[in-house]
Structure formats: structure tokens, C-alpha cells
C-alpha atoms as a PDB file:
ATOM      1  CA  MET A   1       0.034  -0.053   0.013  1.00  0.00           C
ATOM      2  CA  ALA A   2       1.306   3.150  -0.865  1.00  0.00           C
ATOM      3  CA  SER A   3       1.776   5.803   1.669  1.00  0.00           C
ATOM      4  CA  LEU A   4       1.263   9.661   1.659  1.00  0.00           C
ATOM      5  CA  THR A   5       2.688  12.286   3.927  1.00  0.00           C
ATOM      6  CA  CYS A   6       1.428  14.467   6.520  1.00  0.00           C
ATOM      7  CA  ILE A   7       1.268  18.161   5.520  1.00  0.00           C
ATOM      8  CA  ASP A   8       1.945  18.968   9.287  1.00  0.00           C
ATOM      9  CA  CYS A   9       4.957  17.305  10.310  1.00  0.00           C
ATOM     10  CA  GLY A  10       5.874  15.489   6.839  1.00  0.00           C
ATOM     11  CA  ARG A  11       5.938  11.853   8.158  1.00  0.00           C
ATOM     12  CA  SER A  12       4.506   9.015   6.149  1.00  0.00           C
ATOM     13  CA  LEU A  13       0.952   8.189   6.820  1.00  0.00           C
ATOM     14  CA  ILE A  14      -1.247   5.133   5.099  1.00  0.00           C
ATOM     15  CA  PRO A  15      -3.865   6.618   2.788  1.00  0.00           C
ATOM     16  CA  THR A  16      -6.921   5.496   5.249  1.00  0.00           C
ATOM     17  CA  ALA A  17      -5.346   7.641   8.239  1.00  0.00           C
ATOM     18  CA  ARG A  18      -7.860   9.835  10.087  1.00  0.00           C
ATOM     19  CA  SER A  19      -5.120  11.419  12.011  1.00  0.00           C
ATOM     20  CA  CYS A  20      -1.401  11.619  12.188  1.00  0.00           C
ATOM     21  CA  LEU A  21       0.154   9.344  14.968  1.00  0.00           C
ATOM     22  CA  HIS A  22       3.340  11.397  15.133  1.00  0.00           C
ATOM     23  CA  CYS A  23       1.967  15.046  15.445  1.00  0.00           C
ATOM     24  CA  SER A  24      -1.688  14.295  16.190  1.00  0.00           C
ATOM     25  CA  SER A  25      -2.797  16.406  13.370  1.00  0.00           C
ATOM     26  CA  ASP A  26      -6.748  16.148  12.928  1.00  0.00           C
ATOM     27  CA  ASP A  27      -6.115  17.013   9.107  1.00  0.00           C
ATOM     28  CA  PRO A  28      -2.908  15.186   8.036  1.00  0.00           C
ATOM     29  CA  PHE A  29      -3.907  15.361   4.214  1.00  0.00           C
ATOM     30  CA  GLY A  30      -5.414  18.791   4.235  1.00  0.00           C
ATOM     31  CA  HIS A  31      -8.798  18.134   3.082  1.00  0.00           C
ATOM     32  CA  ALA A  32     -10.875  20.184   5.606  1.00  0.00           C
ATOM     33  CA  ARG A  33      -8.692  23.203   5.043  1.00  0.00           C
ATOM     34  CA  ARG A  34      -9.401  22.836   1.179  1.00  0.00           C
ATOM     35  CA  ARG A  35     -12.961  22.697   1.789  1.00  0.00           C
ATOM     36  CA  GLU A  36     -12.972  25.887   4.228  1.00  0.00           C
ATOM     37  CA  ARG A  37     -10.626  27.544   1.636  1.00  0.00           C
ATOM     38  CA  LEU A  38     -13.298  27.246  -1.436  1.00  0.00           C
ATOM     39  CA  ALA A  39     -15.756  28.052   1.123  1.00  0.00           C
ATOM     40  CA  PHE A  40     -14.262  31.232   2.053  1.00  0.00           C
ATOM     41  CA  ILE A  41     -13.541  32.087  -1.847  1.00  0.00           C
ATOM     42  CA  ALA A  42     -17.268  31.308  -2.451  1.00  0.00           C
ATOM     43  CA  GLN A  43     -18.415  33.918   0.293  1.00  0.00           C
ATOM     44  CA  VAL A  44     -15.971  36.308  -1.362  1.00  0.00           C
ATOM     45  CA  VAL A  45     -17.257  36.066  -4.886  1.00  0.00           C
ATOM     46  CA  ILE A  46     -20.842  36.137  -3.923  1.00  0.00           C
ATOM     47  CA  THR A  47     -20.184  39.299  -1.704  1.00  0.00           C
ATOM     48  CA  VAL A  48     -18.300  40.998  -4.932  1.00  0.00           C
ATOM     49  CA  LEU A  49     -21.368  39.904  -7.127  1.00  0.00           C
ATOM     50  CA  LEU A  50     -23.715  41.451  -4.811  1.00  0.00           C
ATOM     51  CA  ILE A  51     -21.974  44.698  -4.497  1.00  0.00           C
ATOM     52  CA  LEU A  52     -21.675  45.109  -8.114  1.00  0.00           C
ATOM     53  CA  LEU A  53     -25.363  44.413  -8.690  1.00  0.00           C
ATOM     54  CA  ALA A  54     -25.834  47.047  -5.892  1.00  0.00           C
ATOM     55  CA  ILE A  55     -23.859  49.530  -7.602  1.00  0.00           C
ATOM     56  CA  ALA A  56     -25.669  48.631 -10.925  1.00  0.00           C
ATOM     57  CA  VAL A  57     -28.853  49.034  -9.445  1.00  0.00           C
ATOM     58  CA  ASN A  58     -27.936  52.473  -7.890  1.00  0.00           C
ATOM     59  CA  ARG A  59     -26.529  53.699 -11.211  1.00  0.00           C
ATOM     60  CA  GLY A  60     -29.670  52.789 -12.962  1.00  0.00           C
ATOM     61  CA  TRP A  61     -28.051  50.215 -15.427  1.00  0.00           C
ATOM     62  CA  VAL A  62     -30.383  47.710 -14.725  1.00  0.00           C
ATOM     63  CA  ALA A  63     -33.554  49.561 -14.929  1.00  0.00           C
ATOM     64  CA  SER A  64     -32.359  51.151 -18.244  1.00  0.00           C
ATOM     65  CA  ALA A  65     -31.460  47.793 -19.722  1.00  0.00           C
ATOM     66  CA  MET A  66     -34.993  46.306 -18.430  1.00  0.00           C
ATOM     67  CA  LEU A  67     -36.752  49.733 -20.236  1.00  0.00           C
ATOM     68  CA  ASP A  68     -34.837  49.131 -23.454  1.00  0.00           C
ATOM     69  CA  ASP A  69     -35.674  45.674 -23.459  1.00  0.00           C
ATOM     70  CA  ALA A  70     -39.230  46.479 -23.067  1.00  0.00           C
ATOM     71  CA  SER A  71     -39.667  49.142 -25.462  1.00  0.00           C
ATOM     72  CA  ARG A  72     -37.955  46.880 -28.308  1.00  0.00           C
ATOM     73  CA  HIS A  73     -40.708  44.351 -27.651  1.00  0.00           C
ATOM     74  CA  LEU A  74     -43.411  47.116 -27.964  1.00  0.00           C
ATOM     75  CA  LEU A  75     -41.901  48.202 -31.254  1.00  0.00           C
END
């Protein structure tokens, strides 16, 4: 069976290990850290999109685009 290394102490572990026997790391392969980092990035992206949407609504870009579409359908 192939062995992997703990990202905290660098010692080898079996792939099915849930914690490191050497340094007692609860996340020796970094899976939970990756999930937390992706969740944080998703929150940042959503926040930026909401800010951009608020700016667009405040400046009237969204309303004018909707009015332009509505006027095109009337013609």
C-alpha cells in the first residue's frame, strides 16, 4: 500500500489515516482546509457580485436595460 505524508509534520502515513500518529494532526492530508478555503472564496465571490449588482441598480444600469428591452418588444 502506498504511503502519503502528513502536511503538518511531513512523516509518512497510510492513505486511510484519519489523524497523524506522529503530530496528532486531525487533518493530516489537508482535506478540511481545502473545503474551508473554497467556502471562503465562494463567500468572497458572492459578496463582490452582490456589491456590483447594488452599484448597477443604484446607477440605474439594470433599470435602463430592462426599459430598453421592454421598448424593443413594443415596437
